Structures are given as C-alpha cells and as structure tokens.
Amino acid sequence: MCPTAEAAGRPHTLGDFSLVFPPDPGWVRTARDAVGTAVRAAGRRDLADTALLLTSEVVTNAVNACRDSGCSEPVTLYGEWPAPATLRVLVHDGAPGLPVRRRPAGGAVDGRGLYLVGACADEWGVCRHGPGHGKSVWFELGE
C-alpha cells in the first residue's frame, strides 16, 4: 500500500530518546550527536543547525551549574517528537537554583546560552520536577 500524499509529507520519527551522563563537559558533544541523529532519522535536517546549537548551550549550562554547585547527580537529556514536525529537547540537572536569561556585554565570552535559546527556539522554558534541587530547561523547534 502506498502512503497518501499527506502521510508522505510527515517526517518518519523514531520516537523518544534519552541520554544520562555525568556532569562533565566531555559529554556535551555526545548529547549534541544524539540530537543530531534524531533529527536526521526524522528527516528534519532543516532543524539540525539550530537543534545542535541549542542542545550544546543547554547541556553546557547544566554541566556548568552542576560543577559550580558541587552537584554530582547525572544530567539527563530527553528528546521527543510531541507532534510530527516538532522536536522537544529537555535537559535536567540536579544543581540548585534556576538559570537566568541575560544579555551579555559585547566582549563577554560566556552568558549567551539562554539568550540564544530564547532567540532561536519556537518555544522554551524552565521547570522544576520532583523533590529536592534541580530543574529542567526545554526547547521546541519546528512548529
């Protein structure tokens, strides 16, 4: 049976995916690679550059928050396709406090993470889950 024109236009998705890793900067590339694989497998190469950039920023923020606070809990990246053309990535860390979106000075070498997320994502936010410390930063692309 051949797919209908409508079905042929929808990306083929492989479903949800997750990655749990220690709060170490060496894992940022692995997290980015996981999201890149999901985007390519779904046939949404148009989202690739932005998805990889935002994943790098959010995961780096989570790793830095853990390292700065002494948190040794793992960081979790969770990805899903809540709609056929929409990618949602959520990154959870166990560090206390909430991230703050700021506009860095022109010569600053850091502090642009959430600014980029806010500028590039279709939707994004910060939320707390479960007991204790920690938070999740999420973004959506492709709406």
C-alpha atoms as a PDB file:
ATOM      1  CA  MET A   1       0.000   0.000   0.000  1.00  0.00           C
ATOM      2  CA  CYS A   2       1.410   3.421  -0.972  1.00  0.00           C
ATOM      3  CA  PRO A   3       1.304   6.274   1.537  1.00  0.00           C
ATOM      4  CA  THR A   4      -1.066   9.137   0.925  1.00  0.00           C
ATOM      5  CA  ALA A   5       0.394  12.495  -0.063  1.00  0.00           C
ATOM      6  CA  GLU A   6      -0.340  13.763   3.450  1.00  0.00           C
ATOM      7  CA  ALA A   7       1.456  10.842   5.089  1.00  0.00           C
ATOM      8  CA  ALA A   8       4.406  11.153   2.725  1.00  0.00           C
ATOM      9  CA  GLY A   9       4.886  14.772   3.836  1.00  0.00           C
ATOM     10  CA  ARG A  10       5.244  13.852   7.514  1.00  0.00           C
ATOM     11  CA  PRO A  11       8.706  13.037   8.841  1.00  0.00           C
ATOM     12  CA  HIS A  12       9.383   9.488   9.926  1.00  0.00           C
ATOM     13  CA  THR A  13      10.222   9.669  13.622  1.00  0.00           C
ATOM     14  CA  LEU A  14      11.811   7.032  15.773  1.00  0.00           C
ATOM     15  CA  GLY A  15      10.123   8.181  18.961  1.00  0.00           C
ATOM     16  CA  ASP A  16      11.510   9.390  22.243  1.00  0.00           C
ATOM     17  CA  PHE A  17      15.168   9.149  23.200  1.00  0.00           C
ATOM     18  CA  SER A  18      17.228   9.888  26.294  1.00  0.00           C
ATOM     19  CA  LEU A  19      20.799  10.068  27.477  1.00  0.00           C
ATOM     20  CA  VAL A  20      22.018  10.111  31.085  1.00  0.00           C
ATOM     21  CA  PHE A  21      25.589  11.236  31.732  1.00  0.00           C
ATOM     22  CA  PRO A  22      27.843  12.688  34.430  1.00  0.00           C
ATOM     23  CA  PRO A  23      28.117  16.477  34.667  1.00  0.00           C
ATOM     24  CA  ASP A  24      31.319  16.630  32.659  1.00  0.00           C
ATOM     25  CA  PRO A  25      31.963  18.883  29.633  1.00  0.00           C
ATOM     26  CA  GLY A  26      33.169  15.896  27.620  1.00  0.00           C
ATOM     27  CA  TRP A  27      29.548  14.740  27.312  1.00  0.00           C
ATOM     28  CA  VAL A  28      28.304  17.877  25.532  1.00  0.00           C
ATOM     29  CA  ARG A  29      29.382  16.524  22.152  1.00  0.00           C
ATOM     30  CA  THR A  30      27.698  13.169  22.807  1.00  0.00           C
ATOM     31  CA  ALA A  31      24.447  14.932  23.725  1.00  0.00           C
ATOM     32  CA  ARG A  32      24.649  17.039  20.575  1.00  0.00           C
ATOM     33  CA  ASP A  33      25.346  13.924  18.484  1.00  0.00           C
ATOM     34  CA  ALA A  34      22.283  12.180  19.951  1.00  0.00           C
ATOM     35  CA  VAL A  35      20.026  15.081  18.991  1.00  0.00           C
ATOM     36  CA  GLY A  36      21.630  15.267  15.544  1.00  0.00           C
ATOM     37  CA  THR A  37      20.952  11.580  14.973  1.00  0.00           C
ATOM     38  CA  ALA A  38      17.309  12.007  15.988  1.00  0.00           C
ATOM     39  CA  VAL A  39      16.843  14.989  13.674  1.00  0.00           C
ATOM     40  CA  ARG A  40      18.406  13.179  10.707  1.00  0.00           C
ATOM     41  CA  ALA A  41      16.437   9.980  11.396  1.00  0.00           C
ATOM     42  CA  ALA A  42      13.225  12.023  11.420  1.00  0.00           C
ATOM     43  CA  GLY A  43      14.073  13.592   8.069  1.00  0.00           C
ATOM     44  CA  ARG A  44      14.191  17.080   9.607  1.00  0.00           C
ATOM     45  CA  ARG A  45      17.644  18.245   8.514  1.00  0.00           C
ATOM     46  CA  ASP A  46      16.168  21.756   8.387  1.00  0.00           C
ATOM     47  CA  LEU A  47      16.208  21.724  12.206  1.00  0.00           C
ATOM     48  CA  ALA A  48      19.734  20.354  12.552  1.00  0.00           C
ATOM     49  CA  ASP A  49      21.850  23.502  12.937  1.00  0.00           C
ATOM     50  CA  THR A  50      19.530  25.141  15.447  1.00  0.00           C
ATOM     51  CA  ALA A  51      18.897  21.899  17.365  1.00  0.00           C
ATOM     52  CA  LEU A  52      22.632  21.244  17.713  1.00  0.00           C
ATOM     53  CA  LEU A  53      23.389  24.821  18.802  1.00  0.00           C
ATOM     54  CA  LEU A  54      20.629  24.897  21.418  1.00  0.00           C
ATOM     55  CA  THR A  55      21.471  21.429  22.710  1.00  0.00           C
ATOM     56  CA  SER A  56      25.099  22.493  23.169  1.00  0.00           C
ATOM     57  CA  GLU A  57      24.051  25.608  25.063  1.00  0.00           C
ATOM     58  CA  VAL A  58      21.517  23.919  27.347  1.00  0.00           C
ATOM     59  CA  VAL A  59      23.724  20.920  28.142  1.00  0.00           C
ATOM     60  CA  THR A  60      26.743  23.152  28.778  1.00  0.00           C
ATOM     61  CA  ASN A  61      24.649  25.264  31.158  1.00  0.00           C
ATOM     62  CA  ALA A  62      23.527  22.124  33.032  1.00  0.00           C
ATOM     63  CA  VAL A  63      27.080  20.763  33.290  1.00  0.00           C
ATOM     64  CA  ASN A  64      28.413  24.137  34.476  1.00  0.00           C
ATOM     65  CA  ALA A  65      25.619  24.520  37.043  1.00  0.00           C
ATOM     66  CA  CYS A  66      26.440  21.101  38.479  1.00  0.00           C
ATOM     67  CA  ARG A  67      30.164  21.714  38.535  1.00  0.00           C
ATOM     68  CA  ASP A  68      29.776  25.192  40.092  1.00  0.00           C
ATOM     69  CA  SER A  69      27.492  23.893  42.860  1.00  0.00           C
ATOM     70  CA  GLY A  70      29.338  20.637  43.534  1.00  0.00           C
ATOM     71  CA  CYS A  71      26.381  18.581  42.339  1.00  0.00           C
ATOM     72  CA  SER A  72      27.403  15.107  41.221  1.00  0.00           C
ATOM     73  CA  GLU A  73      23.961  13.938  40.080  1.00  0.00           C
ATOM     74  CA  PRO A  74      23.827  12.938  36.428  1.00  0.00           C
ATOM     75  CA  VAL A  75      22.475  15.218  33.739  1.00  0.00           C
ATOM     76  CA  THR A  76      19.614  13.806  31.688  1.00  0.00           C
ATOM     77  CA  LEU A  77      18.770  14.759  28.122  1.00  0.00           C
ATOM     78  CA  TYR A  78      15.333  13.710  26.904  1.00  0.00           C
ATOM     79  CA  GLY A  79      14.095  14.229  23.361  1.00  0.00           C
ATOM     80  CA  GLU A  80      10.715  13.643  21.816  1.00  0.00           C
ATOM     81  CA  TRP A  81       8.520  14.489  18.849  1.00  0.00           C
ATOM     82  CA  PRO A  82       5.282  15.710  20.502  1.00  0.00           C
ATOM     83  CA  ALA A  83       3.887  16.482  17.036  1.00  0.00           C
ATOM     84  CA  PRO A  84       5.060  15.006  13.749  1.00  0.00           C
ATOM     85  CA  ALA A  85       7.198  18.035  12.858  1.00  0.00           C
ATOM     86  CA  THR A  86       8.113  19.339  16.327  1.00  0.00           C
ATOM     87  CA  LEU A  87      11.226  18.385  18.272  1.00  0.00           C
ATOM     88  CA  ARG A  88      11.280  18.960  22.028  1.00  0.00           C
ATOM     89  CA  VAL A  89      14.545  18.621  23.962  1.00  0.00           C
ATOM     90  CA  LEU A  90      14.593  18.731  27.767  1.00  0.00           C
ATOM     91  CA  VAL A  91      17.783  18.769  29.850  1.00  0.00           C
ATOM     92  CA  HIS A  92      17.579  18.117  33.595  1.00  0.00           C
ATOM     93  CA  ASP A  93      20.301  18.693  36.180  1.00  0.00           C
ATOM     94  CA  GLY A  94      20.342  18.374  39.959  1.00  0.00           C
ATOM     95  CA  ALA A  95      22.014  21.706  40.708  1.00  0.00           C
ATOM     96  CA  PRO A  96      20.109  24.167  42.897  1.00  0.00           C
ATOM     97  CA  GLY A  97      18.747  27.424  41.546  1.00  0.00           C
ATOM     98  CA  LEU A  98      17.217  28.438  38.271  1.00  0.00           C
ATOM     99  CA  PRO A  99      19.083  29.718  35.236  1.00  0.00           C
ATOM    100  CA  VAL A 100      18.716  33.380  34.364  1.00  0.00           C
ATOM    101  CA  ARG A 101      18.437  34.694  30.824  1.00  0.00           C
ATOM    102  CA  ARG A 102      20.720  37.677  30.418  1.00  0.00           C
ATOM    103  CA  ARG A 103      22.125  39.735  27.610  1.00  0.00           C
ATOM    104  CA  PRO A 104      25.905  39.616  27.933  1.00  0.00           C
ATOM    105  CA  ALA A 105      28.254  42.509  27.304  1.00  0.00           C
ATOM    106  CA  GLY A 106      29.740  42.655  23.805  1.00  0.00           C
ATOM    107  CA  GLY A 107      33.140  41.269  24.799  1.00  0.00           C
ATOM    108  CA  ALA A 108      31.903  38.562  27.176  1.00  0.00           C
ATOM    109  CA  VAL A 109      32.939  35.019  26.306  1.00  0.00           C
ATOM    110  CA  ASP A 110      30.042  33.349  28.122  1.00  0.00           C
ATOM    111  CA  GLY A 111      26.496  34.072  29.251  1.00  0.00           C
ATOM    112  CA  ARG A 112      24.765  33.766  25.885  1.00  0.00           C
ATOM    113  CA  GLY A 113      23.205  30.319  26.339  1.00  0.00           C
ATOM    114  CA  LEU A 114      19.647  31.169  27.345  1.00  0.00           C
ATOM    115  CA  TYR A 115      19.721  34.310  25.231  1.00  0.00           C
ATOM    116  CA  LEU A 116      20.361  32.101  22.172  1.00  0.00           C
ATOM    117  CA  VAL A 117      17.710  29.611  23.267  1.00  0.00           C
ATOM    118  CA  GLY A 118      15.168  32.416  23.615  1.00  0.00           C
ATOM    119  CA  ALA A 119      16.105  33.903  20.257  1.00  0.00           C
ATOM    120  CA  CYS A 120      16.200  30.645  18.263  1.00  0.00           C
ATOM    121  CA  ALA A 121      13.641  28.258  19.777  1.00  0.00           C
ATOM    122  CA  ASP A 122       9.980  28.301  18.814  1.00  0.00           C
ATOM    123  CA  GLU A 123       9.140  27.689  22.490  1.00  0.00           C
ATOM    124  CA  TRP A 124      11.286  27.201  25.582  1.00  0.00           C
ATOM    125  CA  GLY A 125      11.099  27.261  29.335  1.00  0.00           C
ATOM    126  CA  VAL A 126      12.464  26.241  32.704  1.00  0.00           C
ATOM    127  CA  CYS A 127      10.652  23.985  35.141  1.00  0.00           C
ATOM    128  CA  ARG A 128      11.257  22.053  38.345  1.00  0.00           C
ATOM    129  CA  HIS A 129      10.380  18.375  38.653  1.00  0.00           C
ATOM    130  CA  GLY A 130      10.222  16.139  41.690  1.00  0.00           C
ATOM    131  CA  PRO A 131      11.543  16.674  45.182  1.00  0.00           C
ATOM    132  CA  GLY A 132      14.808  18.344  46.034  1.00  0.00           C
ATOM    133  CA  HIS A 133      17.062  20.508  43.951  1.00  0.00           C
ATOM    134  CA  GLY A 134      17.244  20.632  40.242  1.00  0.00           C
ATOM    135  CA  LYS A 135      15.483  21.924  37.211  1.00  0.00           C
ATOM    136  CA  SER A 136      14.851  21.222  33.565  1.00  0.00           C
ATOM    137  CA  VAL A 137      15.397  23.553  30.635  1.00  0.00           C
ATOM    138  CA  TRP A 138      13.500  22.642  27.484  1.00  0.00           C
ATOM    139  CA  PHE A 139      13.075  23.957  23.973  1.00  0.00           C
ATOM    140  CA  GLU A 140      10.948  23.161  20.935  1.00  0.00           C
ATOM    141  CA  LEU A 141      11.725  23.560  17.256  1.00  0.00           C
ATOM    142  CA  GLY A 142       9.712  23.039  14.121  1.00  0.00           C
ATOM    143  CA  GLU A 143       6.270  24.356  14.926  1.00  0.00           C
END
